[in-house]
Amino acid sequence: MRTKTQRAYKRLLHEYSLGFGLRTPYQILVDAEFCKEAAKQKLDINVEFEKTFQDQTRHFITECSVQELRRHNQGSFEAQQIAKQFERRRCPHTHAPIASTDCVAQVVGPTNEYNYIIASQDEALREKLRAIPGIPMVYVKAHMVVMEHMSTATKRLLEEKEAEKKGLSTREKNQVSKMLHSGEELPKKKKKVKGPNPLSVKKKKKSTPPLPKKKKNEASPIANVEKKRKHEEEDVEQKKNNEEQQEQSVTKPDLKEKTEDNIPKDGEQKKKRRRRKKTKHDKEEVKQEDQNEL
């Protein structure tokens, strides 16, 4: 399958999901004719559904379609094997089965409540279901699963929904019809006063408060600070000087005492000198006497 067709299918499914609430995993309801055609063309149904829908899918088949395949034994064994892969969808005809196409039409109903995607080879069934809006349909063609274009009923309903979104709502239409019948004028809507765009407006500058005026006699705050610093420095210097003076006054008398004690008086110095002399003289005499004896 070409990428162009896959994109087109994806776009179609997106429109169905917006307009009719089609959601994943997509529920595909298969009939007996579709199984026969897939068996004839030897298709791998799971792979082909993945290529077509490009998302998760669930496959269903009704009991009537299975009974129809069992009745036609000739050439339907492969079709029965394909049908066994699908989940069974309950229908009210279990005891008295009817034709596969009629059963599928009854299961879908007039509104397609369960959002089924119909996979059928029966042209009459597909023509019948095109009248119901919001039903995607697929069929087998040229060894692949092909999706039909959106039906006219579906397109019409989508256009109506879009017109409702753009124009008046149902409530507003009812109000208009009442006013027209009664002959009253329509109430005018009050327009809200809108301010300027905050992004286009310049930001207000923050106004700084003016400085207080100086008096003639008053000095500037800077001069006052400098004066305080000078006073502090002077106080520190005075403290240092006072401490130094106190230390000197404590240490000086000790030095004086030491010096007075250590310095000898004049009389004492003379006595010491005499003693030294005597000792020296005595020593000399002792030496001479020793020499004479020898």
C-alpha atoms as a PDB file:
ATOM      1  CA  MET A   1       0.000   0.000   0.000  1.00  0.00           C
ATOM      2  CA  ARG A   2       1.306   3.412  -0.963  1.00  0.00           C
ATOM      3  CA  THR A   3       2.047   6.038   1.650  1.00  0.00           C
ATOM      4  CA  LYS A   4      -0.317   8.461  -0.079  1.00  0.00           C
ATOM      5  CA  THR A   5      -3.293   6.132   0.415  1.00  0.00           C
ATOM      6  CA  GLN A   6      -2.282   5.452   4.013  1.00  0.00           C
ATOM      7  CA  ARG A   7      -2.287   9.198   4.720  1.00  0.00           C
ATOM      8  CA  ALA A   8      -5.722   9.521   3.131  1.00  0.00           C
ATOM      9  CA  TYR A   9      -7.079   6.686   5.314  1.00  0.00           C
ATOM     10  CA  LYS A  10      -5.573   8.281   8.408  1.00  0.00           C
ATOM     11  CA  ARG A  11      -7.227  11.597   7.534  1.00  0.00           C
ATOM     12  CA  LEU A  12     -10.586   9.862   7.054  1.00  0.00           C
ATOM     13  CA  LEU A  13     -10.372   8.094  10.407  1.00  0.00           C
ATOM     14  CA  HIS A  14      -9.452  11.387  12.081  1.00  0.00           C
ATOM     15  CA  GLU A  15     -12.588  13.007  10.654  1.00  0.00           C
ATOM     16  CA  TYR A  16     -14.711  10.085  11.895  1.00  0.00           C
ATOM     17  CA  SER A  17     -13.150  10.396  15.352  1.00  0.00           C
ATOM     18  CA  LEU A  18     -13.881  14.149  15.535  1.00  0.00           C
ATOM     19  CA  GLY A  19     -17.413  13.923  14.190  1.00  0.00           C
ATOM     20  CA  PHE A  20     -18.672  10.604  15.578  1.00  0.00           C
ATOM     21  CA  GLY A  21     -16.367   9.624  18.432  1.00  0.00           C
ATOM     22  CA  LEU A  22     -14.540   6.773  16.693  1.00  0.00           C
ATOM     23  CA  ARG A  23     -11.773   5.594  19.009  1.00  0.00           C
ATOM     24  CA  THR A  24      -8.974   3.039  19.133  1.00  0.00           C
ATOM     25  CA  PRO A  25      -8.897   0.078  19.224  1.00  0.00           C
ATOM     26  CA  TYR A  26     -11.146   0.151  16.135  1.00  0.00           C
ATOM     27  CA  GLN A  27     -13.953  -2.458  16.238  1.00  0.00           C
ATOM     28  CA  ILE A  28     -14.318  -4.181  12.846  1.00  0.00           C
ATOM     29  CA  LEU A  29     -17.436  -6.251  12.195  1.00  0.00           C
ATOM     30  CA  VAL A  30     -16.845  -8.868   9.474  1.00  0.00           C
ATOM     31  CA  ASP A  31     -19.456 -10.788   7.446  1.00  0.00           C
ATOM     32  CA  ALA A  32     -19.278 -14.195   5.706  1.00  0.00           C
ATOM     33  CA  GLU A  33     -18.652 -12.847   2.184  1.00  0.00           C
ATOM     34  CA  PHE A  34     -15.599 -10.911   3.357  1.00  0.00           C
ATOM     35  CA  CYS A  35     -14.080 -14.105   4.834  1.00  0.00           C
ATOM     36  CA  LYS A  36     -14.698 -16.003   1.604  1.00  0.00           C
ATOM     37  CA  GLU A  37     -13.017 -13.327  -0.535  1.00  0.00           C
ATOM     38  CA  ALA A  38     -10.041 -13.096   1.824  1.00  0.00           C
ATOM     39  CA  ALA A  39      -9.615 -16.904   1.658  1.00  0.00           C
ATOM     40  CA  LYS A  40      -9.864 -16.829  -2.128  1.00  0.00           C
ATOM     41  CA  GLN A  41      -7.142 -14.156  -2.447  1.00  0.00           C
ATOM     42  CA  LYS A  42      -5.064 -15.798   0.353  1.00  0.00           C
ATOM     43  CA  LEU A  43      -4.775 -12.695   2.482  1.00  0.00           C
ATOM     44  CA  ASP A  44      -3.351 -12.420   5.986  1.00  0.00           C
ATOM     45  CA  ILE A  45      -6.244 -10.451   7.462  1.00  0.00           C
ATOM     46  CA  ASN A  46      -4.430  -9.220  10.582  1.00  0.00           C
ATOM     47  CA  VAL A  47      -1.545  -7.800   8.552  1.00  0.00           C
ATOM     48  CA  GLU A  48      -3.853  -6.133   6.021  1.00  0.00           C
ATOM     49  CA  PHE A  49      -5.960  -4.514   8.750  1.00  0.00           C
ATOM     50  CA  GLU A  50      -2.797  -3.131  10.354  1.00  0.00           C
ATOM     51  CA  LYS A  51      -1.726  -1.615   7.017  1.00  0.00           C
ATOM     52  CA  THR A  52      -5.117  -0.032   6.422  1.00  0.00           C
ATOM     53  CA  PHE A  53      -5.918   1.321   9.891  1.00  0.00           C
ATOM     54  CA  GLN A  54      -2.319   1.861  11.164  1.00  0.00           C
ATOM     55  CA  ASP A  55      -3.478   1.337  14.759  1.00  0.00           C
ATOM     56  CA  GLN A  56      -4.863  -1.281  17.134  1.00  0.00           C
ATOM     57  CA  THR A  57      -7.958  -3.150  15.960  1.00  0.00           C
ATOM     58  CA  ARG A  58     -10.431  -5.732  17.274  1.00  0.00           C
ATOM     59  CA  HIS A  59     -12.193  -8.109  14.867  1.00  0.00           C
ATOM     60  CA  PHE A  60     -15.736  -9.436  15.429  1.00  0.00           C
ATOM     61  CA  ILE A  61     -18.002 -11.843  13.581  1.00  0.00           C
ATOM     62  CA  THR A  62     -21.636 -12.725  14.322  1.00  0.00           C
ATOM     63  CA  GLU A  63     -22.968 -16.233  14.957  1.00  0.00           C
ATOM     64  CA  CYS A  64     -25.139 -16.026  11.847  1.00  0.00           C
ATOM     65  CA  SER A  65     -22.052 -15.406   9.643  1.00  0.00           C
ATOM     66  CA  VAL A  66     -20.297 -18.449  11.157  1.00  0.00           C
ATOM     67  CA  GLN A  67     -23.363 -20.658  10.584  1.00  0.00           C
ATOM     68  CA  GLU A  68     -23.528 -19.474   6.977  1.00  0.00           C
ATOM     69  CA  LEU A  69     -19.905 -20.461   6.391  1.00  0.00           C
ATOM     70  CA  ARG A  70     -20.571 -23.905   7.905  1.00  0.00           C
ATOM     71  CA  ARG A  71     -23.578 -24.464   5.652  1.00  0.00           C
ATOM     72  CA  HIS A  72     -21.502 -23.847   2.506  1.00  0.00           C
ATOM     73  CA  ASN A  73     -18.860 -26.529   2.981  1.00  0.00           C
ATOM     74  CA  GLN A  74     -17.500 -26.445  -0.573  1.00  0.00           C
ATOM     75  CA  GLY A  75     -14.467 -24.105  -0.648  1.00  0.00           C
ATOM     76  CA  SER A  76     -15.295 -22.521   2.707  1.00  0.00           C
ATOM     77  CA  PHE A  77     -12.835 -24.414   4.942  1.00  0.00           C
ATOM     78  CA  GLU A  78     -10.198 -21.700   4.627  1.00  0.00           C
ATOM     79  CA  ALA A  79     -12.873 -19.074   5.239  1.00  0.00           C
ATOM     80  CA  GLN A  80     -13.899 -20.904   8.418  1.00  0.00           C
ATOM     81  CA  GLN A  81     -10.275 -20.899   9.579  1.00  0.00           C
ATOM     82  CA  ILE A  82     -10.154 -17.117   9.070  1.00  0.00           C
ATOM     83  CA  ALA A  83     -13.451 -16.687  10.965  1.00  0.00           C
ATOM     84  CA  LYS A  84     -12.044 -18.644  13.942  1.00  0.00           C
ATOM     85  CA  GLN A  85      -9.457 -15.913  14.458  1.00  0.00           C
ATOM     86  CA  PHE A  86     -12.201 -13.334  15.211  1.00  0.00           C
ATOM     87  CA  GLU A  87     -14.169 -12.694  18.396  1.00  0.00           C
ATOM     88  CA  ARG A  88     -17.838 -13.714  18.458  1.00  0.00           C
ATOM     89  CA  ARG A  89     -20.408 -10.912  18.544  1.00  0.00           C
ATOM     90  CA  ARG A  90     -23.662 -11.934  20.165  1.00  0.00           C
ATOM     91  CA  CYS A  91     -26.773 -11.494  18.090  1.00  0.00           C
ATOM     92  CA  PRO A  92     -30.476 -12.282  18.836  1.00  0.00           C
ATOM     93  CA  HIS A  93     -30.579 -15.016  16.119  1.00  0.00           C
ATOM     94  CA  THR A  94     -28.628 -17.797  17.790  1.00  0.00           C
ATOM     95  CA  HIS A  95     -31.516 -20.287  17.759  1.00  0.00           C
ATOM     96  CA  ALA A  96     -32.829 -19.279  14.323  1.00  0.00           C
ATOM     97  CA  PRO A  97     -29.893 -17.911  12.286  1.00  0.00           C
ATOM     98  CA  ILE A  98     -30.606 -15.552   9.387  1.00  0.00           C
ATOM     99  CA  ALA A  99     -28.531 -14.300   6.450  1.00  0.00           C
ATOM    100  CA  SER A 100     -25.159 -12.783   7.332  1.00  0.00           C
ATOM    101  CA  THR A 101     -25.891  -9.407   5.694  1.00  0.00           C
ATOM    102  CA  ASP A 102     -29.245  -8.989   7.514  1.00  0.00           C
ATOM    103  CA  CYS A 103     -27.633  -9.923  10.835  1.00  0.00           C
ATOM    104  CA  VAL A 104     -24.856  -7.326  10.394  1.00  0.00           C
ATOM    105  CA  ALA A 105     -27.408  -4.622   9.500  1.00  0.00           C
ATOM    106  CA  GLN A 106     -29.437  -5.378  12.648  1.00  0.00           C
ATOM    107  CA  VAL A 107     -26.352  -5.383  14.909  1.00  0.00           C
ATOM    108  CA  VAL A 108     -25.257  -1.968  13.582  1.00  0.00           C
ATOM    109  CA  GLY A 109     -28.734  -0.490  14.082  1.00  0.00           C
ATOM    110  CA  PRO A 110     -29.987   2.916  12.887  1.00  0.00           C
ATOM    111  CA  THR A 111     -27.292   4.949  14.675  1.00  0.00           C
ATOM    112  CA  ASN A 112     -24.201   2.674  14.901  1.00  0.00           C
ATOM    113  CA  GLU A 113     -24.157   3.016  18.675  1.00  0.00           C
ATOM    114  CA  TYR A 114     -20.974   0.977  19.218  1.00  0.00           C
ATOM    115  CA  ASN A 115     -18.940   2.673  16.418  1.00  0.00           C
ATOM    116  CA  TYR A 116     -18.410  -0.418  14.259  1.00  0.00           C
ATOM    117  CA  ILE A 117     -16.350  -0.446  11.058  1.00  0.00           C
ATOM    118  CA  ILE A 118     -18.041  -2.786   8.558  1.00  0.00           C
ATOM    119  CA  ALA A 119     -15.939  -5.199   6.487  1.00  0.00           C
ATOM    120  CA  SER A 120     -18.187  -6.668   3.759  1.00  0.00           C
ATOM    121  CA  GLN A 121     -18.057  -7.731   0.112  1.00  0.00           C
ATOM    122  CA  ASP A 122     -21.837  -7.431  -0.318  1.00  0.00           C
ATOM    123  CA  GLU A 123     -22.597  -4.301  -2.363  1.00  0.00           C
ATOM    124  CA  ALA A 124     -26.280  -4.279  -1.322  1.00  0.00           C
ATOM    125  CA  LEU A 125     -25.352  -4.216   2.388  1.00  0.00           C
ATOM    126  CA  ARG A 126     -22.871  -1.414   1.862  1.00  0.00           C
ATOM    127  CA  GLU A 127     -25.396   0.625  -0.102  1.00  0.00           C
ATOM    128  CA  LYS A 128     -27.903   0.190   2.710  1.00  0.00           C
ATOM    129  CA  LEU A 129     -25.417   1.277   5.391  1.00  0.00           C
ATOM    130  CA  ARG A 130     -24.295   4.377   3.433  1.00  0.00           C
ATOM    131  CA  ALA A 131     -27.602   5.992   4.393  1.00  0.00           C
ATOM    132  CA  ILE A 132     -26.547   5.859   8.078  1.00  0.00           C
ATOM    133  CA  PRO A 133     -23.979   8.591   8.842  1.00  0.00           C
ATOM    134  CA  GLY A 134     -20.743   7.770  10.617  1.00  0.00           C
ATOM    135  CA  ILE A 135     -20.059   4.176   9.421  1.00  0.00           C
ATOM    136  CA  PRO A 136     -16.642   3.519   7.826  1.00  0.00           C
ATOM    137  CA  MET A 137     -16.629   0.529   5.434  1.00  0.00           C
ATOM    138  CA  VAL A 138     -13.853  -1.635   3.974  1.00  0.00           C
ATOM    139  CA  TYR A 139     -13.707  -4.434   1.408  1.00  0.00           C
ATOM    140  CA  VAL A 140     -11.133  -6.665  -0.324  1.00  0.00           C
ATOM    141  CA  LYS A 141      -9.792  -5.546  -3.692  1.00  0.00           C
ATOM    142  CA  ALA A 142      -6.590  -6.457  -5.571  1.00  0.00           C
ATOM    143  CA  HIS A 143      -5.097  -8.466  -2.693  1.00  0.00           C
ATOM    144  CA  MET A 144      -5.515  -5.708  -0.114  1.00  0.00           C
ATOM    145  CA  VAL A 145      -8.156  -4.176   2.148  1.00  0.00           C
ATOM    146  CA  VAL A 146      -9.549  -0.904   0.754  1.00  0.00           C
ATOM    147  CA  MET A 147     -11.521   1.758   2.644  1.00  0.00           C
ATOM    148  CA  GLU A 148     -14.515   3.471   1.058  1.00  0.00           C
ATOM    149  CA  HIS A 149     -14.834   7.226   0.708  1.00  0.00           C
ATOM    150  CA  MET A 150     -17.081   9.092   3.109  1.00  0.00           C
ATOM    151  CA  SER A 151     -20.768   8.781   2.202  1.00  0.00           C
ATOM    152  CA  THR A 152     -22.930  11.793   1.330  1.00  0.00           C
ATOM    153  CA  ALA A 153     -25.044  11.364   4.493  1.00  0.00           C
ATOM    154  CA  THR A 154     -21.921  11.476   6.624  1.00  0.00           C
ATOM    155  CA  LYS A 155     -20.576  14.574   4.848  1.00  0.00           C
ATOM    156  CA  ARG A 156     -23.920  16.361   5.220  1.00  0.00           C
ATOM    157  CA  LEU A 157     -24.063  15.687   8.949  1.00  0.00           C
ATOM    158  CA  LEU A 158     -20.499  16.905   9.480  1.00  0.00           C
ATOM    159  CA  GLU A 159     -21.238  20.122   7.586  1.00  0.00           C
ATOM    160  CA  GLU A 160     -24.292  20.730   9.758  1.00  0.00           C
ATOM    161  CA  LYS A 161     -22.239  20.259  12.906  1.00  0.00           C
ATOM    162  CA  GLU A 162     -19.621  22.708  11.682  1.00  0.00           C
ATOM    163  CA  ALA A 163     -22.327  25.247  10.822  1.00  0.00           C
ATOM    164  CA  GLU A 164     -23.755  24.933  14.323  1.00  0.00           C
ATOM    165  CA  LYS A 165     -20.351  25.592  15.829  1.00  0.00           C
ATOM    166  CA  LYS A 166     -19.812  28.678  13.675  1.00  0.00           C
ATOM    167  CA  GLY A 167     -23.357  30.063  13.843  1.00  0.00           C
ATOM    168  CA  LEU A 168     -26.067  30.166  16.514  1.00  0.00           C
ATOM    169  CA  SER A 169     -26.527  27.348  18.987  1.00  0.00           C
ATOM    170  CA  THR A 170     -29.864  25.531  19.385  1.00  0.00           C
ATOM    171  CA  ARG A 171     -30.664  27.562  22.503  1.00  0.00           C
ATOM    172  CA  GLU A 172     -30.046  30.839  20.687  1.00  0.00           C
ATOM    173  CA  LYS A 173     -32.153  29.669  17.732  1.00  0.00           C
ATOM    174  CA  ASN A 174     -35.067  28.899  20.081  1.00  0.00           C
ATOM    175  CA  GLN A 175     -34.774  32.351  21.626  1.00  0.00           C
ATOM    176  CA  VAL A 176     -34.789  33.980  18.183  1.00  0.00           C
ATOM    177  CA  SER A 177     -37.872  32.033  17.084  1.00  0.00           C
ATOM    178  CA  LYS A 178     -39.715  33.044  20.273  1.00  0.00           C
ATOM    179  CA  MET A 179     -38.831  36.711  19.808  1.00  0.00           C
ATOM    180  CA  LEU A 180     -39.961  36.639  16.182  1.00  0.00           C
ATOM    181  CA  HIS A 181     -43.323  35.112  17.104  1.00  0.00           C
ATOM    182  CA  SER A 182     -43.861  37.553  19.969  1.00  0.00           C
ATOM    183  CA  GLY A 183     -42.613  40.599  17.990  1.00  0.00           C
ATOM    184  CA  GLU A 184     -40.136  41.742  20.674  1.00  0.00           C
ATOM    185  CA  GLU A 185     -36.685  43.067  19.921  1.00  0.00           C
ATOM    186  CA  LEU A 186     -33.654  40.952  20.537  1.00  0.00           C
ATOM    187  CA  PRO A 187     -31.692  41.880  23.665  1.00  0.00           C
ATOM    188  CA  LYS A 188     -28.408  43.523  22.811  1.00  0.00           C
ATOM    189  CA  LYS A 189     -25.324  42.089  24.317  1.00  0.00           C
ATOM    190  CA  LYS A 190     -23.361  44.529  26.428  1.00  0.00           C
ATOM    191  CA  LYS A 191     -19.816  44.837  25.299  1.00  0.00           C
ATOM    192  CA  LYS A 192     -17.276  44.539  28.015  1.00  0.00           C
ATOM    193  CA  VAL A 193     -14.894  47.433  28.385  1.00  0.00           C
ATOM    194  CA  LYS A 194     -11.514  46.138  27.457  1.00  0.00           C
ATOM    195  CA  GLY A 195      -8.304  47.782  28.527  1.00  0.00           C
ATOM    196  CA  PRO A 196      -5.197  48.198  26.413  1.00  0.00           C
ATOM    197  CA  ASN A 197      -2.977  45.289  25.602  1.00  0.00           C
ATOM    198  CA  PRO A 198      -0.554  44.971  28.541  1.00  0.00           C
ATOM    199  CA  LEU A 199       2.256  43.903  26.200  1.00  0.00           C
ATOM    200  CA  SER A 200       1.955  47.068  24.079  1.00  0.00           C
ATOM    201  CA  VAL A 201       1.859  49.468  27.036  1.00  0.00           C
ATOM    202  CA  LYS A 202       5.076  50.895  28.433  1.00  0.00           C
ATOM    203  CA  LYS A 203       5.890  49.966  31.976  1.00  0.00           C
ATOM    204  CA  LYS A 204       5.581  52.731  34.541  1.00  0.00           C
ATOM    205  CA  LYS A 205       8.856  53.946  35.953  1.00  0.00           C
ATOM    206  CA  LYS A 206       9.138  53.692  39.697  1.00  0.00           C
ATOM    207  CA  SER A 207       9.288  57.227  41.102  1.00  0.00           C
ATOM    208  CA  THR A 208      12.090  57.631  43.665  1.00  0.00           C
ATOM    209  CA  PRO A 209      11.166  59.780  46.699  1.00  0.00           C
ATOM    210  CA  PRO A 210      12.887  63.239  46.731  1.00  0.00           C
ATOM    211  CA  LEU A 211      15.779  63.801  49.130  1.00  0.00           C
ATOM    212  CA  PRO A 212      15.048  65.940  52.223  1.00  0.00           C
ATOM    213  CA  LYS A 213      16.117  69.550  51.909  1.00  0.00           C
ATOM    214  CA  LYS A 214      19.205  70.621  53.837  1.00  0.00           C
ATOM    215  CA  LYS A 215      18.994  73.379  56.414  1.00  0.00           C
ATOM    216  CA  LYS A 216      21.553  76.135  56.337  1.00  0.00           C
ATOM    217  CA  ASN A 217      23.134  75.365  59.705  1.00  0.00           C
ATOM    218  CA  GLU A 218      22.947  71.603  59.334  1.00  0.00           C
ATOM    219  CA  ALA A 219      25.909  69.827  57.838  1.00  0.00           C
ATOM    220  CA  SER A 220      25.639  67.131  55.237  1.00  0.00           C
ATOM    221  CA  PRO A 221      25.320  63.478  56.442  1.00  0.00           C
ATOM    222  CA  ILE A 222      28.708  62.640  54.892  1.00  0.00           C
ATOM    223  CA  ALA A 223      30.402  65.404  56.942  1.00  0.00           C
ATOM    224  CA  ASN A 224      28.726  64.085  60.093  1.00  0.00           C
ATOM    225  CA  VAL A 225      30.027  60.592  59.411  1.00  0.00           C
ATOM    226  CA  GLU A 226      33.564  61.900  58.908  1.00  0.00           C
ATOM    227  CA  LYS A 227      33.404  63.827  62.157  1.00  0.00           C
ATOM    228  CA  LYS A 228      32.299  60.728  64.024  1.00  0.00           C
ATOM    229  CA  ARG A 229      35.191  58.759  62.558  1.00  0.00           C
ATOM    230  CA  LYS A 230      37.697  61.443  63.607  1.00  0.00           C
ATOM    231  CA  HIS A 231      36.323  61.499  67.158  1.00  0.00           C
ATOM    232  CA  GLU A 232      36.536  57.735  67.352  1.00  0.00           C
ATOM    233  CA  GLU A 233      40.146  57.721  66.123  1.00  0.00           C
ATOM    234  CA  GLU A 234      41.099  60.392  68.662  1.00  0.00           C
ATOM    235  CA  ASP A 235      39.503  58.406  71.455  1.00  0.00           C
ATOM    236  CA  VAL A 236      41.426  55.293  70.421  1.00  0.00           C
ATOM    237  CA  GLU A 237      44.745  57.222  70.373  1.00  0.00           C
ATOM    238  CA  GLN A 238      44.074  58.704  73.809  1.00  0.00           C
ATOM    239  CA  LYS A 239      43.377  55.259  75.219  1.00  0.00           C
ATOM    240  CA  LYS A 240      46.628  53.917  73.781  1.00  0.00           C
ATOM    241  CA  ASN A 241      48.645  56.830  75.260  1.00  0.00           C
ATOM    242  CA  ASN A 242      47.077  56.377  78.675  1.00  0.00           C
ATOM    243  CA  GLU A 243      47.893  52.662  78.647  1.00  0.00           C
ATOM    244  CA  GLU A 244      51.535  53.337  77.693  1.00  0.00           C
ATOM    245  CA  GLN A 245      51.929  55.904  80.485  1.00  0.00           C
ATOM    246  CA  GLN A 246      50.530  53.483  83.036  1.00  0.00           C
ATOM    247  CA  GLU A 247      52.972  50.750  81.944  1.00  0.00           C
ATOM    248  CA  GLN A 248      55.955  53.129  82.213  1.00  0.00           C
ATOM    249  CA  SER A 249      54.905  54.300  85.685  1.00  0.00           C
ATOM    250  CA  VAL A 250      54.771  50.648  86.810  1.00  0.00           C
ATOM    251  CA  THR A 251      58.159  49.584  85.375  1.00  0.00           C
ATOM    252  CA  LYS A 252      60.402  52.660  86.321  1.00  0.00           C
ATOM    253  CA  PRO A 253      60.552  52.342  90.135  1.00  0.00           C
ATOM    254  CA  ASP A 254      61.694  48.706  89.834  1.00  0.00           C
ATOM    255  CA  LEU A 255      64.567  49.738  87.617  1.00  0.00           C
ATOM    256  CA  LYS A 256      65.646  52.430  90.072  1.00  0.00           C
ATOM    257  CA  GLU A 257      65.658  49.991  92.960  1.00  0.00           C
ATOM    258  CA  LYS A 258      67.729  47.542  91.033  1.00  0.00           C
ATOM    259  CA  THR A 259      70.284  50.138  89.986  1.00  0.00           C
ATOM    260  CA  GLU A 260      70.646  51.585  93.523  1.00  0.00           C
ATOM    261  CA  ASP A 261      71.141  48.157  95.024  1.00  0.00           C
ATOM    262  CA  ASN A 262      73.691  47.084  92.463  1.00  0.00           C
ATOM    263  CA  ILE A 263      75.848  50.250  92.475  1.00  0.00           C
ATOM    264  CA  PRO A 264      78.429  50.025  95.333  1.00  0.00           C
ATOM    265  CA  LYS A 265      79.399  53.031  97.500  1.00  0.00           C
ATOM    266  CA  ASP A 266      82.846  54.770  97.379  1.00  0.00           C
ATOM    267  CA  GLY A 267      84.161  53.423 100.730  1.00  0.00           C
ATOM    268  CA  GLU A 268      83.282  49.856  99.882  1.00  0.00           C
ATOM    269  CA  GLN A 269      85.044  50.113  96.509  1.00  0.00           C
ATOM    270  CA  LYS A 270      88.304  51.332  98.192  1.00  0.00           C
ATOM    271  CA  LYS A 271      88.249  48.486 100.734  1.00  0.00           C
ATOM    272  CA  LYS A 272      87.852  45.939  97.974  1.00  0.00           C
ATOM    273  CA  ARG A 273      90.757  47.385  96.054  1.00  0.00           C
ATOM    274  CA  ARG A 274      92.984  47.244  99.153  1.00  0.00           C
ATOM    275  CA  ARG A 275      92.081  43.635  99.780  1.00  0.00           C
ATOM    276  CA  ARG A 276      92.950  42.762  96.223  1.00  0.00           C
ATOM    277  CA  LYS A 277      96.316  44.518  96.549  1.00  0.00           C
ATOM    278  CA  LYS A 278      97.129  42.762  99.822  1.00  0.00           C
ATOM    279  CA  THR A 279      96.417  39.463  98.415  1.00  0.00           C
ATOM    280  CA  LYS A 280      98.620  40.070  95.417  1.00  0.00           C
ATOM    281  CA  HIS A 281     101.519  41.338  97.618  1.00  0.00           C
ATOM    282  CA  ASP A 282     101.199  38.384  99.929  1.00  0.00           C
ATOM    283  CA  LYS A 283     101.344  36.026  97.060  1.00  0.00           C
ATOM    284  CA  GLU A 284     104.557  37.552  95.779  1.00  0.00           C
ATOM    285  CA  GLU A 285     106.191  37.310  99.219  1.00  0.00           C
ATOM    286  CA  VAL A 286     105.163  33.682  99.561  1.00  0.00           C
ATOM    287  CA  LYS A 287     106.773  32.905  96.231  1.00  0.00           C
ATOM    288  CA  GLN A 288     110.082  34.603  97.173  1.00  0.00           C
ATOM    289  CA  GLU A 289     110.275  32.702 100.468  1.00  0.00           C
ATOM    290  CA  ASP A 290     109.794  29.436  98.713  1.00  0.00           C
ATOM    291  CA  GLN A 291     112.562  30.204  96.269  1.00  0.00           C
ATOM    292  CA  ASN A 292     114.990  31.135  99.073  1.00  0.00           C
ATOM    293  CA  GLU A 293     114.385  27.889 100.924  1.00  0.00           C
ATOM    294  CA  LEU A 294     115.238  25.965  97.839  1.00  0.00           C
END
